[in-house]
Amino acid sequence: NNSTIDSSTISDNSSVSDSSVSNNSTIDSSTISDNSSVSDSSVSNSTIYNSIISNSIIKNETLINVTISNSSINNSR
């Protein structure tokens, strides 16, 4: 509920699972990289911008009414 994930780094084989980011949250200037895993997560009614997702595994992800801008997804699956 109106959360902000700002300038965060999820890296070095970290795992984010069964998570929810919703209700006009902002994920800003974040990096998810280095073989991290994001799974069974939901992002809704949110904005993701100026972020980088690289060398990561993203699965069972649900995106609803999400805006992604100025972001990069590289070498991920």
C-alpha atoms as a PDB file:
ATOM      1  CA  ASN A   1       0.000   0.000   0.000  1.00  0.00           C
ATOM      2  CA  ASN A   2       1.827   3.007  -1.359  1.00  0.00           C
ATOM      3  CA  SER A   3       5.181   1.441  -0.620  1.00  0.00           C
ATOM      4  CA  THR A   4       8.409   2.617  -2.173  1.00  0.00           C
ATOM      5  CA  ILE A   5      11.352   0.394  -3.066  1.00  0.00           C
ATOM      6  CA  ASP A   6      13.926   3.050  -3.848  1.00  0.00           C
ATOM      7  CA  SER A   7      17.547   2.675  -4.918  1.00  0.00           C
ATOM      8  CA  SER A   8      17.609  -0.914  -3.736  1.00  0.00           C
ATOM      9  CA  THR A   9      19.879  -3.738  -4.786  1.00  0.00           C
ATOM     10  CA  ILE A  10      18.851  -7.399  -4.824  1.00  0.00           C
ATOM     11  CA  SER A  11      21.953  -9.299  -5.807  1.00  0.00           C
ATOM     12  CA  ASP A  12      24.464 -12.066  -5.239  1.00  0.00           C
ATOM     13  CA  ASN A  13      22.193 -15.084  -5.462  1.00  0.00           C
ATOM     14  CA  SER A  14      19.462 -13.547  -3.360  1.00  0.00           C
ATOM     15  CA  SER A  15      15.910 -14.785  -3.581  1.00  0.00           C
ATOM     16  CA  VAL A  16      12.678 -12.809  -3.453  1.00  0.00           C
ATOM     17  CA  SER A  17       9.632 -15.045  -3.415  1.00  0.00           C
ATOM     18  CA  ASP A  18       5.928 -14.956  -2.649  1.00  0.00           C
ATOM     19  CA  SER A  19       6.074 -11.191  -2.548  1.00  0.00           C
ATOM     20  CA  SER A  20       3.574  -8.545  -3.467  1.00  0.00           C
ATOM     21  CA  VAL A  21       4.198  -4.959  -4.542  1.00  0.00           C
ATOM     22  CA  SER A  22       0.914  -3.226  -5.160  1.00  0.00           C
ATOM     23  CA  ASN A  23      -1.355  -0.224  -4.866  1.00  0.00           C
ATOM     24  CA  ASN A  24       0.561   2.598  -6.470  1.00  0.00           C
ATOM     25  CA  SER A  25       3.961   1.530  -5.244  1.00  0.00           C
ATOM     26  CA  THR A  26       7.128   2.764  -6.898  1.00  0.00           C
ATOM     27  CA  ILE A  27      10.199   0.668  -7.619  1.00  0.00           C
ATOM     28  CA  ASP A  28      12.797   3.284  -8.483  1.00  0.00           C
ATOM     29  CA  SER A  29      16.439   3.032  -9.476  1.00  0.00           C
ATOM     30  CA  SER A  30      16.715  -0.557  -8.313  1.00  0.00           C
ATOM     31  CA  THR A  31      18.986  -3.331  -9.488  1.00  0.00           C
ATOM     32  CA  ILE A  32      18.118  -7.025  -9.461  1.00  0.00           C
ATOM     33  CA  SER A  33      21.186  -8.884 -10.636  1.00  0.00           C
ATOM     34  CA  ASP A  34      23.837 -11.538 -10.185  1.00  0.00           C
ATOM     35  CA  ASN A  35      21.788 -14.703 -10.468  1.00  0.00           C
ATOM     36  CA  SER A  36      19.069 -13.504  -8.151  1.00  0.00           C
ATOM     37  CA  SER A  37      15.689 -15.136  -8.280  1.00  0.00           C
ATOM     38  CA  VAL A  38      12.347 -13.378  -8.111  1.00  0.00           C
ATOM     39  CA  SER A  39       9.492 -15.842  -8.067  1.00  0.00           C
ATOM     40  CA  ASP A  40       5.802 -16.124  -7.305  1.00  0.00           C
ATOM     41  CA  SER A  41       5.584 -12.380  -6.956  1.00  0.00           C
ATOM     42  CA  SER A  42       2.932  -9.896  -7.887  1.00  0.00           C
ATOM     43  CA  VAL A  43       3.430  -6.301  -8.972  1.00  0.00           C
ATOM     44  CA  SER A  44       0.291  -4.304  -9.588  1.00  0.00           C
ATOM     45  CA  ASN A  45      -0.783  -0.710 -10.050  1.00  0.00           C
ATOM     46  CA  SER A  46       2.840   0.311  -9.740  1.00  0.00           C
ATOM     47  CA  THR A  47       5.625   2.092 -11.554  1.00  0.00           C
ATOM     48  CA  ILE A  48       9.033   0.545 -12.215  1.00  0.00           C
ATOM     49  CA  TYR A  49      11.522   2.994 -13.655  1.00  0.00           C
ATOM     50  CA  ASN A  50      15.235   3.640 -13.951  1.00  0.00           C
ATOM     51  CA  SER A  51      15.794   0.041 -12.926  1.00  0.00           C
ATOM     52  CA  ILE A  52      18.012  -2.771 -14.148  1.00  0.00           C
ATOM     53  CA  ILE A  53      17.199  -6.470 -14.067  1.00  0.00           C
ATOM     54  CA  SER A  54      20.139  -8.540 -15.249  1.00  0.00           C
ATOM     55  CA  ASN A  55      21.437 -12.091 -15.063  1.00  0.00           C
ATOM     56  CA  SER A  56      18.386 -13.063 -13.075  1.00  0.00           C
ATOM     57  CA  ILE A  57      15.603 -15.594 -13.038  1.00  0.00           C
ATOM     58  CA  ILE A  58      12.093 -14.201 -12.857  1.00  0.00           C
ATOM     59  CA  LYS A  59       9.254 -16.701 -12.804  1.00  0.00           C
ATOM     60  CA  ASN A  60       5.565 -16.828 -12.006  1.00  0.00           C
ATOM     61  CA  GLU A  61       5.578 -13.067 -12.021  1.00  0.00           C
ATOM     62  CA  THR A  62       2.299 -11.225 -12.395  1.00  0.00           C
ATOM     63  CA  LEU A  63       2.294  -7.655 -13.686  1.00  0.00           C
ATOM     64  CA  ILE A  64      -1.012  -5.797 -13.667  1.00  0.00           C
ATOM     65  CA  ASN A  65      -1.383  -2.126 -14.565  1.00  0.00           C
ATOM     66  CA  VAL A  66       2.355  -1.651 -14.237  1.00  0.00           C
ATOM     67  CA  THR A  67       4.422   1.013 -15.968  1.00  0.00           C
ATOM     68  CA  ILE A  68       8.058   0.162 -16.736  1.00  0.00           C
ATOM     69  CA  SER A  69      10.188   2.979 -18.116  1.00  0.00           C
ATOM     70  CA  ASN A  70      13.860   3.760 -18.598  1.00  0.00           C
ATOM     71  CA  SER A  71      14.636   0.246 -17.454  1.00  0.00           C
ATOM     72  CA  SER A  72      16.673  -2.667 -18.698  1.00  0.00           C
ATOM     73  CA  ILE A  73      16.153  -6.437 -18.563  1.00  0.00           C
ATOM     74  CA  ASN A  74      19.294  -8.268 -19.674  1.00  0.00           C
ATOM     75  CA  ASN A  75      20.420 -11.887 -19.762  1.00  0.00           C
ATOM     76  CA  SER A  76      17.454 -12.886 -17.661  1.00  0.00           C
ATOM     77  CA  ARG A  77      14.818 -15.548 -17.883  1.00  0.00           C
END
